[in-house]
C-alpha atoms as a PDB file:
ATOM      1  CA  MET A   1     -30.549  32.218   3.256  1.00  0.00           C
ATOM      2  CA  SER A   2     -27.314  32.734   5.223  1.00  0.00           C
ATOM      3  CA  SER A   3     -25.401  35.950   4.639  1.00  0.00           C
ATOM      4  CA  MET A   4     -22.499  33.714   3.545  1.00  0.00           C
ATOM      5  CA  THR A   5     -24.575  31.956   0.879  1.00  0.00           C
ATOM      6  CA  SER A   6     -24.185  33.469  -2.575  1.00  0.00           C
ATOM      7  CA  PRO A   7     -27.181  33.574  -4.916  1.00  0.00           C
ATOM      8  CA  ARG A   8     -25.469  30.963  -7.086  1.00  0.00           C
ATOM      9  CA  LEU A   9     -24.889  28.614  -4.140  1.00  0.00           C
ATOM     10  CA  HIS A  10     -28.480  29.083  -2.995  1.00  0.00           C
ATOM     11  CA  ARG A  11     -29.720  28.294  -6.528  1.00  0.00           C
ATOM     12  CA  ALA A  12     -27.386  25.296  -6.802  1.00  0.00           C
ATOM     13  CA  ALA A  13     -28.660  23.799  -3.550  1.00  0.00           C
ATOM     14  CA  ASP A  14     -32.280  24.262  -4.585  1.00  0.00           C
ATOM     15  CA  THR A  15     -31.553  22.746  -7.993  1.00  0.00           C
ATOM     16  CA  LEU A  16     -30.080  19.615  -6.412  1.00  0.00           C
ATOM     17  CA  VAL A  17     -32.688  19.252  -3.694  1.00  0.00           C
ATOM     18  CA  HIS A  18     -35.895  20.379  -5.396  1.00  0.00           C
ATOM     19  CA  ARG A  19     -35.415  20.016  -9.148  1.00  0.00           C
ATOM     20  CA  SER A  20     -33.035  17.081  -9.422  1.00  0.00           C
ATOM     21  CA  PHE A  21     -34.088  14.921  -6.440  1.00  0.00           C
ATOM     22  CA  ALA A  22     -37.616  16.202  -5.780  1.00  0.00           C
ATOM     23  CA  VAL A  23     -37.094  15.971  -2.020  1.00  0.00           C
ATOM     24  CA  ALA A  24     -40.556  15.792  -0.426  1.00  0.00           C
ATOM     25  CA  PRO A  25     -41.914  16.880   2.956  1.00  0.00           C
ATOM     26  CA  GLY A  26     -41.196  14.359   5.680  1.00  0.00           C
ATOM     27  CA  GLU A  27     -38.346  12.600   3.861  1.00  0.00           C
ATOM     28  CA  SER A  28     -35.109  11.810   5.690  1.00  0.00           C
ATOM     29  CA  VAL A  29     -32.043  13.174   3.893  1.00  0.00           C
ATOM     30  CA  LEU A  30     -28.530  12.023   4.822  1.00  0.00           C
ATOM     31  CA  ILE A  31     -25.701  14.399   3.860  1.00  0.00           C
ATOM     32  CA  THR A  32     -22.285  12.755   4.226  1.00  0.00           C
ATOM     33  CA  ALA A  33     -19.103  14.802   4.191  1.00  0.00           C
ATOM     34  CA  ASP A  34     -15.489  14.518   5.235  1.00  0.00           C
ATOM     35  CA  ASP A  35     -13.130  16.878   7.006  1.00  0.00           C
ATOM     36  CA  ARG A  36     -12.289  18.667   3.735  1.00  0.00           C
ATOM     37  CA  THR A  37     -15.861  19.606   2.793  1.00  0.00           C
ATOM     38  CA  GLU A  38     -16.636  23.317   3.087  1.00  0.00           C
ATOM     39  CA  THR A  39     -19.154  24.137   5.792  1.00  0.00           C
ATOM     40  CA  ARG A  40     -20.985  26.683   3.656  1.00  0.00           C
ATOM     41  CA  LEU A  41     -21.689  23.996   1.063  1.00  0.00           C
ATOM     42  CA  LEU A  42     -23.215  21.685   3.674  1.00  0.00           C
ATOM     43  CA  ASP A  43     -25.178  24.520   5.265  1.00  0.00           C
ATOM     44  CA  ALA A  44     -26.660  25.531   1.905  1.00  0.00           C
ATOM     45  CA  VAL A  45     -27.796  21.990   1.050  1.00  0.00           C
ATOM     46  CA  ALA A  46     -29.182  21.333   4.530  1.00  0.00           C
ATOM     47  CA  ALA A  47     -31.099  24.632   4.445  1.00  0.00           C
ATOM     48  CA  SER A  48     -32.621  23.710   1.091  1.00  0.00           C
ATOM     49  CA  VAL A  49     -33.652  20.295   2.447  1.00  0.00           C
ATOM     50  CA  SER A  50     -35.360  22.059   5.368  1.00  0.00           C
ATOM     51  CA  ARG A  51     -37.163  24.423   2.996  1.00  0.00           C
ATOM     52  CA  ALA A  52     -38.535  21.328   1.251  1.00  0.00           C
ATOM     53  CA  GLY A  53     -40.072  20.214   4.541  1.00  0.00           C
ATOM     54  CA  ALA A  54     -37.678  17.281   4.821  1.00  0.00           C
ATOM     55  CA  ARG A  55     -35.330  16.284   7.663  1.00  0.00           C
ATOM     56  CA  PRO A  56     -31.591  16.750   6.999  1.00  0.00           C
ATOM     57  CA  LEU A  57     -28.825  14.940   8.879  1.00  0.00           C
ATOM     58  CA  ILE A  58     -25.197  15.960   8.269  1.00  0.00           C
ATOM     59  CA  ALA A  59     -22.647  13.236   9.045  1.00  0.00           C
ATOM     60  CA  ILE A  60     -18.975  14.295   8.978  1.00  0.00           C
ATOM     61  CA  ALA A  61     -16.079  11.855   9.308  1.00  0.00           C
ATOM     62  CA  PRO A  62     -12.366  11.801   8.435  1.00  0.00           C
ATOM     63  CA  SER A  63     -11.621  11.396   4.731  1.00  0.00           C
ATOM     64  CA  LEU A  64     -11.737   7.789   3.597  1.00  0.00           C
ATOM     65  CA  PRO A  65      -8.360   6.389   2.485  1.00  0.00           C
ATOM     66  CA  TYR A  66     -10.018   4.405  -0.327  1.00  0.00           C
ATOM     67  CA  GLN A  67     -13.269   4.286  -2.224  1.00  0.00           C
ATOM     68  CA  GLY A  68     -15.572   1.297  -2.568  1.00  0.00           C
ATOM     69  CA  GLY A  69     -15.199  -1.905  -0.594  1.00  0.00           C
ATOM     70  CA  LEU A  70     -11.682  -1.071   0.582  1.00  0.00           C
ATOM     71  CA  SER A  71     -13.208   1.723   2.685  1.00  0.00           C
ATOM     72  CA  ASP A  72     -15.383  -0.686   4.728  1.00  0.00           C
ATOM     73  CA  PRO A  73     -13.082  -0.855   7.789  1.00  0.00           C
ATOM     74  CA  TYR A  74     -13.238   2.945   8.075  1.00  0.00           C
ATOM     75  CA  VAL A  75     -17.031   3.370   7.952  1.00  0.00           C
ATOM     76  CA  GLY A  76     -18.779   3.438  11.323  1.00  0.00           C
ATOM     77  CA  ASP A  77     -21.974   1.604  12.244  1.00  0.00           C
ATOM     78  CA  PRO A  78     -23.966   4.833  12.853  1.00  0.00           C
ATOM     79  CA  LEU A  79     -23.383   5.915   9.244  1.00  0.00           C
ATOM     80  CA  LYS A  80     -24.352   2.482   7.946  1.00  0.00           C
ATOM     81  CA  ALA A  81     -27.593   2.654   9.907  1.00  0.00           C
ATOM     82  CA  ALA A  82     -28.363   6.174   8.706  1.00  0.00           C
ATOM     83  CA  ALA A  83     -27.740   5.218   5.068  1.00  0.00           C
ATOM     84  CA  ALA A  84     -30.090   2.255   5.289  1.00  0.00           C
ATOM     85  CA  ALA A  85     -32.835   4.420   6.830  1.00  0.00           C
ATOM     86  CA  ALA A  86     -32.532   7.441   4.513  1.00  0.00           C
ATOM     87  CA  ASP A  87     -34.828   8.367   1.638  1.00  0.00           C
ATOM     88  CA  VAL A  88     -32.117  10.481  -0.014  1.00  0.00           C
ATOM     89  CA  TRP A  89     -28.342  10.282   0.461  1.00  0.00           C
ATOM     90  CA  PHE A  90     -26.193  13.179  -0.780  1.00  0.00           C
ATOM     91  CA  ASP A  91     -22.603  11.919  -0.586  1.00  0.00           C
ATOM     92  CA  PHE A  92     -20.023  14.725  -0.710  1.00  0.00           C
ATOM     93  CA  CYS A  93     -17.173  12.496   0.541  1.00  0.00           C
ATOM     94  CA  PHE A  94     -14.095  12.077  -1.637  1.00  0.00           C
ATOM     95  CA  PRO A  95     -13.169   9.233  -1.853  1.00  0.00           C
ATOM     96  CA  TYR A  96     -16.838   8.316  -1.985  1.00  0.00           C
ATOM     97  CA  HIS A  97     -19.005   5.616  -0.413  1.00  0.00           C
ATOM     98  CA  ALA A  98     -20.343   4.160  -3.680  1.00  0.00           C
ATOM     99  CA  GLY A  99     -19.266   0.539  -3.949  1.00  0.00           C
ATOM    100  CA  SER A 100     -18.756   0.153  -0.193  1.00  0.00           C
ATOM    101  CA  GLY A 101     -20.600  -2.280   2.058  1.00  0.00           C
ATOM    102  CA  ALA A 102     -22.674   0.564   3.508  1.00  0.00           C
ATOM    103  CA  HIS A 103     -23.670   1.716   0.031  1.00  0.00           C
ATOM    104  CA  SER A 104     -24.432  -1.823  -1.178  1.00  0.00           C
ATOM    105  CA  ALA A 105     -26.666  -2.500   1.833  1.00  0.00           C
ATOM    106  CA  ALA A 106     -28.539   0.767   1.285  1.00  0.00           C
ATOM    107  CA  MET A 107     -29.021  -0.055  -2.402  1.00  0.00           C
ATOM    108  CA  ALA A 108     -30.263  -3.549  -1.554  1.00  0.00           C
ATOM    109  CA  ALA A 109     -32.903  -2.087   0.779  1.00  0.00           C
ATOM    110  CA  ASN A 110     -34.340  -0.306  -2.307  1.00  0.00           C
ATOM    111  CA  ARG A 111     -35.307   2.847  -0.427  1.00  0.00           C
ATOM    112  CA  VAL A 112     -32.581   5.436  -0.783  1.00  0.00           C
ATOM    113  CA  ARG A 113     -31.895   7.731  -3.742  1.00  0.00           C
ATOM    114  CA  TYR A 114     -28.086   8.025  -3.627  1.00  0.00           C
ATOM    115  CA  CYS A 115     -26.172  10.836  -5.351  1.00  0.00           C
ATOM    116  CA  LEU A 116     -22.414  10.551  -5.849  1.00  0.00           C
ATOM    117  CA  LEU A 117     -21.517  14.251  -5.513  1.00  0.00           C
ATOM    118  CA  SER A 118     -18.016  13.710  -4.099  1.00  0.00           C
ATOM    119  CA  MET A 119     -16.812  17.318  -3.958  1.00  0.00           C
ATOM    120  CA  SER A 120     -15.548  19.510  -1.148  1.00  0.00           C
ATOM    121  CA  SER A 121     -15.732  22.904  -2.853  1.00  0.00           C
ATOM    122  CA  ALA A 122     -18.759  25.195  -2.680  1.00  0.00           C
ATOM    123  CA  GLU A 123     -17.509  26.936  -5.850  1.00  0.00           C
ATOM    124  CA  SER A 124     -17.469  23.635  -7.767  1.00  0.00           C
ATOM    125  CA  PHE A 125     -20.975  22.861  -6.546  1.00  0.00           C
ATOM    126  CA  GLU A 126     -22.114  26.351  -7.614  1.00  0.00           C
ATOM    127  CA  ARG A 127     -20.771  25.861 -11.106  1.00  0.00           C
ATOM    128  CA  LEU A 128     -22.176  22.360 -11.602  1.00  0.00           C
ATOM    129  CA  TYR A 129     -25.674  23.023 -10.244  1.00  0.00           C
ATOM    130  CA  GLY A 130     -26.062  26.811 -10.122  1.00  0.00           C
ATOM    131  CA  CYS A 131     -24.277  28.227 -13.170  1.00  0.00           C
ATOM    132  CA  VAL A 132     -26.088  26.384 -15.939  1.00  0.00           C
ATOM    133  CA  ASP A 133     -29.514  26.127 -17.516  1.00  0.00           C
ATOM    134  CA  PHE A 134     -30.032  22.860 -15.651  1.00  0.00           C
ATOM    135  CA  ALA A 135     -33.135  21.654 -17.485  1.00  0.00           C
ATOM    136  CA  ALA A 136     -31.495  22.189 -20.892  1.00  0.00           C
ATOM    137  CA  MET A 137     -28.344  20.384 -19.764  1.00  0.00           C
ATOM    138  CA  VAL A 138     -30.314  17.378 -18.507  1.00  0.00           C
ATOM    139  CA  ASP A 139     -32.268  17.275 -21.782  1.00  0.00           C
ATOM    140  CA  PHE A 140     -28.988  17.077 -23.684  1.00  0.00           C
ATOM    141  CA  ASN A 141     -27.537  14.528 -21.239  1.00  0.00           C
ATOM    142  CA  ILE A 142     -30.521  12.191 -21.643  1.00  0.00           C
ATOM    143  CA  ALA A 143     -30.473  12.513 -25.447  1.00  0.00           C
ATOM    144  CA  LEU A 144     -26.724  11.831 -25.522  1.00  0.00           C
ATOM    145  CA  ALA A 145     -27.187   8.718 -23.350  1.00  0.00           C
ATOM    146  CA  GLU A 146     -29.882   7.489 -25.735  1.00  0.00           C
ATOM    147  CA  TYR A 147     -27.556   8.147 -28.685  1.00  0.00           C
ATOM    148  CA  PHE A 148     -24.793   6.046 -27.120  1.00  0.00           C
ATOM    149  CA  GLY A 149     -27.344   3.377 -26.218  1.00  0.00           C
ATOM    150  CA  ALA A 150     -28.643   3.142 -29.784  1.00  0.00           C
ATOM    151  CA  ALA A 151     -25.070   2.799 -31.103  1.00  0.00           C
ATOM    152  CA  ALA A 152     -24.279  -0.380 -29.145  1.00  0.00           C
ATOM    153  CA  GLY A 153     -22.250  -2.714 -31.342  1.00  0.00           C
ATOM    154  CA  GLU A 154     -20.623   0.083 -33.350  1.00  0.00           C
ATOM    155  CA  THR A 155     -16.923   0.958 -33.315  1.00  0.00           C
ATOM    156  CA  VAL A 156     -15.901   3.943 -31.197  1.00  0.00           C
ATOM    157  CA  ARG A 157     -12.595   5.736 -31.640  1.00  0.00           C
ATOM    158  CA  PHE A 158     -11.201   8.583 -29.594  1.00  0.00           C
ATOM    159  CA  ALA A 159      -7.935  10.485 -29.767  1.00  0.00           C
ATOM    160  CA  CYS A 160      -6.255  13.453 -28.100  1.00  0.00           C
ATOM    161  CA  PRO A 161      -3.413  15.889 -28.890  1.00  0.00           C
ATOM    162  CA  ARG A 162      -1.073  14.087 -26.447  1.00  0.00           C
ATOM    163  CA  GLY A 163      -1.154  10.873 -28.470  1.00  0.00           C
ATOM    164  CA  THR A 164      -4.244   8.967 -27.373  1.00  0.00           C
ATOM    165  CA  ASP A 165      -5.647   6.801 -30.172  1.00  0.00           C
ATOM    166  CA  VAL A 166      -7.870   3.898 -29.196  1.00  0.00           C
ATOM    167  CA  ARG A 167     -10.742   1.897 -30.668  1.00  0.00           C
ATOM    168  CA  MET A 168     -13.399  -0.291 -29.075  1.00  0.00           C
ATOM    169  CA  THR A 169     -16.783  -1.866 -29.704  1.00  0.00           C
ATOM    170  CA  LEU A 170     -19.531  -0.020 -27.865  1.00  0.00           C
ATOM    171  CA  ASP A 171     -21.503  -2.015 -25.290  1.00  0.00           C
ATOM    172  CA  LYS A 172     -24.900  -1.263 -23.735  1.00  0.00           C
ATOM    173  CA  ILE A 173     -25.400   1.619 -21.307  1.00  0.00           C
ATOM    174  CA  LYS A 174     -25.075   0.440 -17.692  1.00  0.00           C
ATOM    175  CA  LEU A 175     -26.509   3.392 -15.748  1.00  0.00           C
ATOM    176  CA  VAL A 176     -29.511   5.264 -17.170  1.00  0.00           C
ATOM    177  CA  ARG A 177     -29.685   9.044 -16.690  1.00  0.00           C
ATOM    178  CA  GLN A 178     -32.989  10.265 -15.223  1.00  0.00           C
ATOM    179  CA  ARG A 179     -34.511  13.708 -15.614  1.00  0.00           C
ATOM    180  CA  VAL A 180     -35.757  13.655 -12.005  1.00  0.00           C
ATOM    181  CA  CYS A 181     -34.124  11.303  -9.505  1.00  0.00           C
ATOM    182  CA  ASP A 182     -37.317  10.214  -7.779  1.00  0.00           C
ATOM    183  CA  GLN A 183     -36.682   6.444  -7.752  1.00  0.00           C
ATOM    184  CA  PRO A 184     -34.371   4.485  -5.412  1.00  0.00           C
ATOM    185  CA  GLY A 185     -30.934   3.707  -6.769  1.00  0.00           C
ATOM    186  CA  MET A 186     -27.613   5.169  -7.837  1.00  0.00           C
ATOM    187  CA  HIS A 187     -27.452   8.651  -9.376  1.00  0.00           C
ATOM    188  CA  THR A 188     -24.599  10.896 -10.528  1.00  0.00           C
ATOM    189  CA  VAL A 189     -24.061  14.578 -11.301  1.00  0.00           C
ATOM    190  CA  PRO A 190     -25.220  15.540 -14.824  1.00  0.00           C
ATOM    191  CA  GLY A 191     -22.735  17.050 -17.252  1.00  0.00           C
ATOM    192  CA  THR A 192     -20.930  13.917 -18.377  1.00  0.00           C
ATOM    193  CA  GLN A 193     -22.035  10.706 -20.047  1.00  0.00           C
ATOM    194  CA  SER A 194     -20.378   7.335 -19.620  1.00  0.00           C
ATOM    195  CA  PHE A 195     -20.059   4.887 -22.483  1.00  0.00           C
ATOM    196  CA  TYR A 196     -18.997   1.299 -22.009  1.00  0.00           C
ATOM    197  CA  PRO A 197     -16.741  -0.925 -24.103  1.00  0.00           C
ATOM    198  CA  VAL A 198     -17.032  -4.577 -24.910  1.00  0.00           C
ATOM    199  CA  MET A 199     -14.011  -5.208 -22.711  1.00  0.00           C
ATOM    200  CA  GLU A 200     -11.912  -7.428 -24.920  1.00  0.00           C
ATOM    201  CA  SER A 201     -12.368  -4.987 -27.835  1.00  0.00           C
ATOM    202  CA  VAL A 202     -10.299  -2.049 -26.493  1.00  0.00           C
ATOM    203  CA  GLU A 203      -7.144  -1.569 -28.607  1.00  0.00           C
ATOM    204  CA  GLY A 204      -4.598   1.244 -28.763  1.00  0.00           C
ATOM    205  CA  ARG A 205      -2.940   3.709 -26.416  1.00  0.00           C
ATOM    206  CA  ILE A 206      -4.403   6.160 -23.916  1.00  0.00           C
ATOM    207  CA  VAL A 207      -2.442   9.156 -22.627  1.00  0.00           C
ATOM    208  CA  ILE A 208      -3.790  10.453 -19.320  1.00  0.00           C
ATOM    209  CA  GLN A 209      -2.980  13.882 -17.850  1.00  0.00           C
ATOM    210  CA  ALA A 210      -4.619  13.483 -14.431  1.00  0.00           C
ATOM    211  CA  LEU A 211      -5.190  10.469 -12.208  1.00  0.00           C
ATOM    212  CA  PHE A 212      -7.399   9.423  -9.314  1.00  0.00           C
ATOM    213  CA  ASP A 213      -5.976   6.280  -7.742  1.00  0.00           C
ATOM    214  CA  GLU A 214      -5.032   6.684  -4.078  1.00  0.00           C
ATOM    215  CA  TYR A 215      -5.648  10.410  -4.390  1.00  0.00           C
ATOM    216  CA  TYR A 216      -6.496  12.840  -7.207  1.00  0.00           C
ATOM    217  CA  ARG A 217      -3.927  15.067  -8.907  1.00  0.00           C
ATOM    218  CA  PRO A 218      -2.724  16.327 -12.294  1.00  0.00           C
ATOM    219  CA  LEU A 219       0.278  14.339 -13.470  1.00  0.00           C
ATOM    220  CA  ARG A 220       3.617  16.096 -13.751  1.00  0.00           C
ATOM    221  CA  GLU A 221       4.296  13.789 -16.697  1.00  0.00           C
ATOM    222  CA  PRO A 222       1.517  12.039 -18.677  1.00  0.00           C
ATOM    223  CA  ILE A 223       1.062   8.291 -18.287  1.00  0.00           C
ATOM    224  CA  VAL A 224       0.724   6.199 -21.460  1.00  0.00           C
ATOM    225  CA  ILE A 225      -1.489   3.119 -21.060  1.00  0.00           C
ATOM    226  CA  GLU A 226      -1.263   0.285 -23.587  1.00  0.00           C
ATOM    227  CA  ALA A 227      -4.558  -1.457 -24.387  1.00  0.00           C
ATOM    228  CA  ALA A 228      -4.936  -4.829 -26.094  1.00  0.00           C
ATOM    229  CA  GLY A 229      -8.258  -6.146 -24.837  1.00  0.00           C
ATOM    230  CA  SER A 230      -7.098  -5.568 -21.271  1.00  0.00           C
ATOM    231  CA  ILE A 231      -4.554  -3.155 -19.738  1.00  0.00           C
ATOM    232  CA  ARG A 232      -1.217  -4.600 -20.844  1.00  0.00           C
ATOM    233  CA  GLY A 233       1.085  -2.047 -19.280  1.00  0.00           C
ATOM    234  CA  PHE A 234       1.883   1.631 -18.871  1.00  0.00           C
ATOM    235  CA  SER A 235       4.821   4.018 -19.003  1.00  0.00           C
ATOM    236  CA  GLY A 236       5.606   7.645 -18.201  1.00  0.00           C
ATOM    237  CA  GLY A 237       4.460   9.632 -15.209  1.00  0.00           C
ATOM    238  CA  GLY A 238       6.576  10.510 -12.218  1.00  0.00           C
ATOM    239  CA  ALA A 239       8.152   7.757 -10.113  1.00  0.00           C
ATOM    240  CA  GLU A 240       5.536   8.231  -7.373  1.00  0.00           C
ATOM    241  CA  ASP A 241       2.726   8.082  -9.942  1.00  0.00           C
ATOM    242  CA  ARG A 242       3.957   4.808 -11.410  1.00  0.00           C
ATOM    243  CA  LEU A 243       4.116   3.197  -7.956  1.00  0.00           C
ATOM    244  CA  SER A 244       0.655   4.295  -6.796  1.00  0.00           C
ATOM    245  CA  PHE A 245      -0.990   3.552 -10.167  1.00  0.00           C
ATOM    246  CA  ASP A 246       0.505   0.055 -10.183  1.00  0.00           C
ATOM    247  CA  ARG A 247      -0.795  -0.581  -6.643  1.00  0.00           C
ATOM    248  CA  ALA A 248      -4.261   0.750  -7.478  1.00  0.00           C
ATOM    249  CA  LEU A 249      -4.635  -1.284 -10.678  1.00  0.00           C
ATOM    250  CA  ARG A 250      -3.579  -4.496  -8.950  1.00  0.00           C
ATOM    251  CA  ARG A 251      -5.972  -3.890  -6.042  1.00  0.00           C
ATOM    252  CA  ALA A 252      -8.857  -3.031  -8.353  1.00  0.00           C
ATOM    253  CA  SER A 253      -8.388  -5.933 -10.753  1.00  0.00           C
ATOM    254  CA  GLY A 254      -8.264  -8.785  -8.246  1.00  0.00           C
ATOM    255  CA  THR A 255      -6.549 -11.690  -9.973  1.00  0.00           C
ATOM    256  CA  ARG A 256      -6.633 -10.192 -13.471  1.00  0.00           C
ATOM    257  CA  GLY A 257      -3.241  -8.470 -13.561  1.00  0.00           C
ATOM    258  CA  TYR A 258      -3.986  -4.845 -14.377  1.00  0.00           C
ATOM    259  CA  GLY A 259      -7.594  -5.560 -15.297  1.00  0.00           C
ATOM    260  CA  ASN A 260      -9.781  -3.989 -17.932  1.00  0.00           C
ATOM    261  CA  PHE A 261     -11.204  -0.683 -19.037  1.00  0.00           C
ATOM    262  CA  ILE A 262     -14.572  -0.343 -17.315  1.00  0.00           C
ATOM    263  CA  HIS A 263     -15.931   2.879 -18.780  1.00  0.00           C
ATOM    264  CA  PHE A 264     -15.093   5.946 -20.828  1.00  0.00           C
ATOM    265  CA  THR A 265     -16.896   9.296 -20.661  1.00  0.00           C
ATOM    266  CA  LEU A 266     -17.677  12.490 -22.510  1.00  0.00           C
ATOM    267  CA  GLY A 267     -17.703  15.673 -20.423  1.00  0.00           C
ATOM    268  CA  PHE A 268     -19.784  18.599 -21.716  1.00  0.00           C
ATOM    269  CA  HIS A 269     -20.834  20.818 -18.780  1.00  0.00           C
ATOM    270  CA  PRO A 270     -20.768  24.427 -20.059  1.00  0.00           C
ATOM    271  CA  ALA A 271     -19.810  25.900 -16.656  1.00  0.00           C
ATOM    272  CA  ALA A 272     -17.278  23.301 -15.483  1.00  0.00           C
ATOM    273  CA  ALA A 273     -13.748  24.553 -14.753  1.00  0.00           C
ATOM    274  CA  TRP A 274     -10.459  22.654 -14.736  1.00  0.00           C
ATOM    275  CA  THR A 275      -9.576  22.848 -11.038  1.00  0.00           C
ATOM    276  CA  CYS A 276      -6.845  20.187 -10.618  1.00  0.00           C
ATOM    277  CA  ARG A 277      -8.469  19.533  -7.214  1.00  0.00           C
ATOM    278  CA  GLN A 278     -12.132  18.585  -7.725  1.00  0.00           C
ATOM    279  CA  PHE A 279     -12.295  15.329  -9.677  1.00  0.00           C
ATOM    280  CA  ILE A 280     -16.068  15.389 -10.171  1.00  0.00           C
ATOM    281  CA  GLU A 281     -15.918  18.846 -11.751  1.00  0.00           C
ATOM    282  CA  ASP A 282     -12.795  18.190 -13.820  1.00  0.00           C
ATOM    283  CA  ILE A 283     -14.326  15.161 -15.581  1.00  0.00           C
ATOM    284  CA  ARG A 284     -17.217  17.391 -16.694  1.00  0.00           C
ATOM    285  CA  VAL A 285     -14.999  19.922 -18.471  1.00  0.00           C
ATOM    286  CA  PRO A 286     -16.035  19.903 -22.148  1.00  0.00           C
ATOM    287  CA  GLY A 287     -14.061  17.309 -24.094  1.00  0.00           C
ATOM    288  CA  SER A 288     -12.692  15.461 -21.055  1.00  0.00           C
ATOM    289  CA  ASN A 289     -12.767  11.671 -20.866  1.00  0.00           C
ATOM    290  CA  ALA A 290     -12.589   9.828 -17.518  1.00  0.00           C
ATOM    291  CA  ILE A 291     -11.346   6.281 -18.033  1.00  0.00           C
ATOM    292  CA  GLY A 292     -12.331   3.798 -15.317  1.00  0.00           C
ATOM    293  CA  MET A 293     -10.011   0.817 -14.898  1.00  0.00           C
ATOM    294  CA  GLY A 294      -9.808  -2.419 -12.953  1.00  0.00           C
ATOM    295  CA  LEU A 295     -12.719  -4.757 -12.242  1.00  0.00           C
ATOM    296  CA  PRO A 296     -16.225  -3.678 -13.333  1.00  0.00           C
ATOM    297  CA  TRP A 297     -18.345  -2.316 -10.509  1.00  0.00           C
ATOM    298  CA  TRP A 298     -21.273  -4.516 -11.600  1.00  0.00           C
ATOM    299  CA  GLU A 299     -19.265  -7.716 -10.983  1.00  0.00           C
ATOM    300  CA  PRO A 300     -18.613  -9.209  -7.482  1.00  0.00           C
ATOM    301  CA  GLY A 301     -15.739  -7.332  -5.855  1.00  0.00           C
ATOM    302  CA  GLY A 302     -15.916  -4.509  -8.383  1.00  0.00           C
ATOM    303  CA  GLY A 303     -15.650  -0.835  -7.542  1.00  0.00           C
ATOM    304  CA  GLU A 304     -12.860  -1.318  -4.995  1.00  0.00           C
ATOM    305  CA  ASN A 305     -10.388   1.522  -5.477  1.00  0.00           C
ATOM    306  CA  HIS A 306     -11.405   1.731  -9.125  1.00  0.00           C
ATOM    307  CA  PRO A 307      -8.791   4.164 -10.522  1.00  0.00           C
ATOM    308  CA  ASP A 308      -9.686   6.795 -13.122  1.00  0.00           C
ATOM    309  CA  GLY A 309      -7.411   8.590 -15.561  1.00  0.00           C
ATOM    310  CA  ILE A 310      -8.395  11.738 -17.439  1.00  0.00           C
ATOM    311  CA  VAL A 311      -7.805  12.518 -21.118  1.00  0.00           C
ATOM    312  CA  LEU A 312      -8.364  16.144 -22.156  1.00  0.00           C
ATOM    313  CA  ASP A 313      -9.485  17.721 -25.450  1.00  0.00           C
ATOM    314  CA  GLN A 314     -10.629  14.433 -26.924  1.00  0.00           C
ATOM    315  CA  SER A 315     -11.895  13.895 -30.449  1.00  0.00           C
ATOM    316  CA  LEU A 316     -14.548  11.178 -30.630  1.00  0.00           C
ATOM    317  CA  TRP A 317     -16.086   9.144 -33.446  1.00  0.00           C
ATOM    318  CA  ILE A 318     -18.946   6.649 -33.363  1.00  0.00           C
ATOM    319  CA  GLY A 319     -18.754   4.587 -36.511  1.00  0.00           C
ATOM    320  CA  ASP A 320     -17.802   7.083 -39.226  1.00  0.00           C
ATOM    321  CA  ARG A 321     -19.578   9.992 -37.474  1.00  0.00           C
ATOM    322  CA  GLN A 322     -17.419  12.472 -35.591  1.00  0.00           C
ATOM    323  CA  ILE A 323     -19.251  13.938 -32.609  1.00  0.00           C
ATOM    324  CA  VAL A 324     -16.384  15.747 -30.811  1.00  0.00           C
ATOM    325  CA  ASP A 325     -13.461  17.598 -32.386  1.00  0.00           C
ATOM    326  CA  GLY A 326     -10.647  18.640 -30.036  1.00  0.00           C
ATOM    327  CA  GLY A 327     -13.072  18.911 -27.123  1.00  0.00           C
ATOM    328  CA  ILE A 328     -15.770  20.759 -29.096  1.00  0.00           C
ATOM    329  CA  PHE A 329     -19.092  19.011 -29.648  1.00  0.00           C
ATOM    330  CA  VAL A 330     -19.850  18.932 -33.396  1.00  0.00           C
ATOM    331  CA  GLY A 331     -22.882  16.728 -33.913  1.00  0.00           C
ATOM    332  CA  PRO A 332     -25.053  15.043 -34.985  1.00  0.00           C
ATOM    333  CA  GLU A 333     -27.605  17.734 -35.833  1.00  0.00           C
ATOM    334  CA  PRO A 334     -30.471  16.716 -33.473  1.00  0.00           C
ATOM    335  CA  LEU A 335     -28.031  16.689 -30.557  1.00  0.00           C
ATOM    336  CA  MET A 336     -26.421  19.949 -31.735  1.00  0.00           C
ATOM    337  CA  LYS A 337     -29.704  21.799 -31.177  1.00  0.00           C
ATOM    338  CA  LEU A 338     -29.970  20.501 -27.617  1.00  0.00           C
ATOM    339  CA  HIS A 339     -26.296  21.250 -26.985  1.00  0.00           C
ATOM    340  CA  ALA A 340     -26.732  24.818 -28.206  1.00  0.00           C
ATOM    341  CA  ALA A 341     -29.645  25.296 -25.794  1.00  0.00           C
ATOM    342  CA  MET A 342     -27.382  24.817 -22.763  1.00  0.00           C
ATOM    343  CA  GLU A 343     -26.414  28.119 -21.222  1.00  0.00           C
ATOM    344  CA  ARG A 344     -23.720  29.112 -18.725  1.00  0.00           C
ATOM    345  CA  ARG A 345     -25.167  31.403 -16.041  1.00  0.00           C
ATOM    346  CA  LEU A 346     -23.121  33.762 -13.902  1.00  0.00           C
ATOM    347  CA  ASP A 347     -25.875  35.916 -12.355  1.00  0.00           C
END
């Protein structure tokens, strides 16, 4: 362990590599990063991969200007080749490669286990993987996903203190959370759970306080999004926010105007901090809701510059059952026991 690697960072790297992805001796592990990613974060993960007996390769490139398919002109052939030949791909780039041509080709080859980590900060990585009872958190995450899955067809409502109040019919889960990521495919950081609407069912208003479109930032003025099946319009925000959000929605939706709401989320990570800089950590703050907009990533052309807005301190109901109150998880009882078992660690 490097003298610059804290015990928490060392534990976080081992949790990702050994416990979450079960990296095995002889496997090839691609670690992609951009020019903002902290070296000590990459060193810690690469060292853990080596301790597993696997072969790490760190690939660093300038930050992508867009995520998804719009990033294709900026991704070099050597990275595409490495992604297709890897057993595990840890992607720390932000914007990320998921949804790009390189990512799609790697997924189609059905070899690589891809993790959308998308963070530059070693401290964020420490908190998400090294400052939590990881097994207990994954147990809760899987149970919560199953709860949302079983509620398909029910009405979901969520609200926030800034004026969000929206209803939708819950659709099926699109991406299944796994306890150990030992099968090829797409994987994400635990600590949040997506739920998906029947698209034409979303009705109401959503007030977002942070936005990831062409870049990620807190908003100096909230943006109010009007929902009536699709995204009908928005107001508020600063002048620069309105311009970039409009561009991003139109790019992401193709020929559908502003497009639809793709996903909503519930953040619940007990160690996550509100950073205003690290999107992946911020959407895991308890009570946060990341709202994906545009064209669904599972449809042709989807995932291209898919913008996300963040609602904070949400209250959430499924049917007549409230499960979150002002950001605090309140039930149901079987999930409460698993939620209570999660523990924030600072040693």
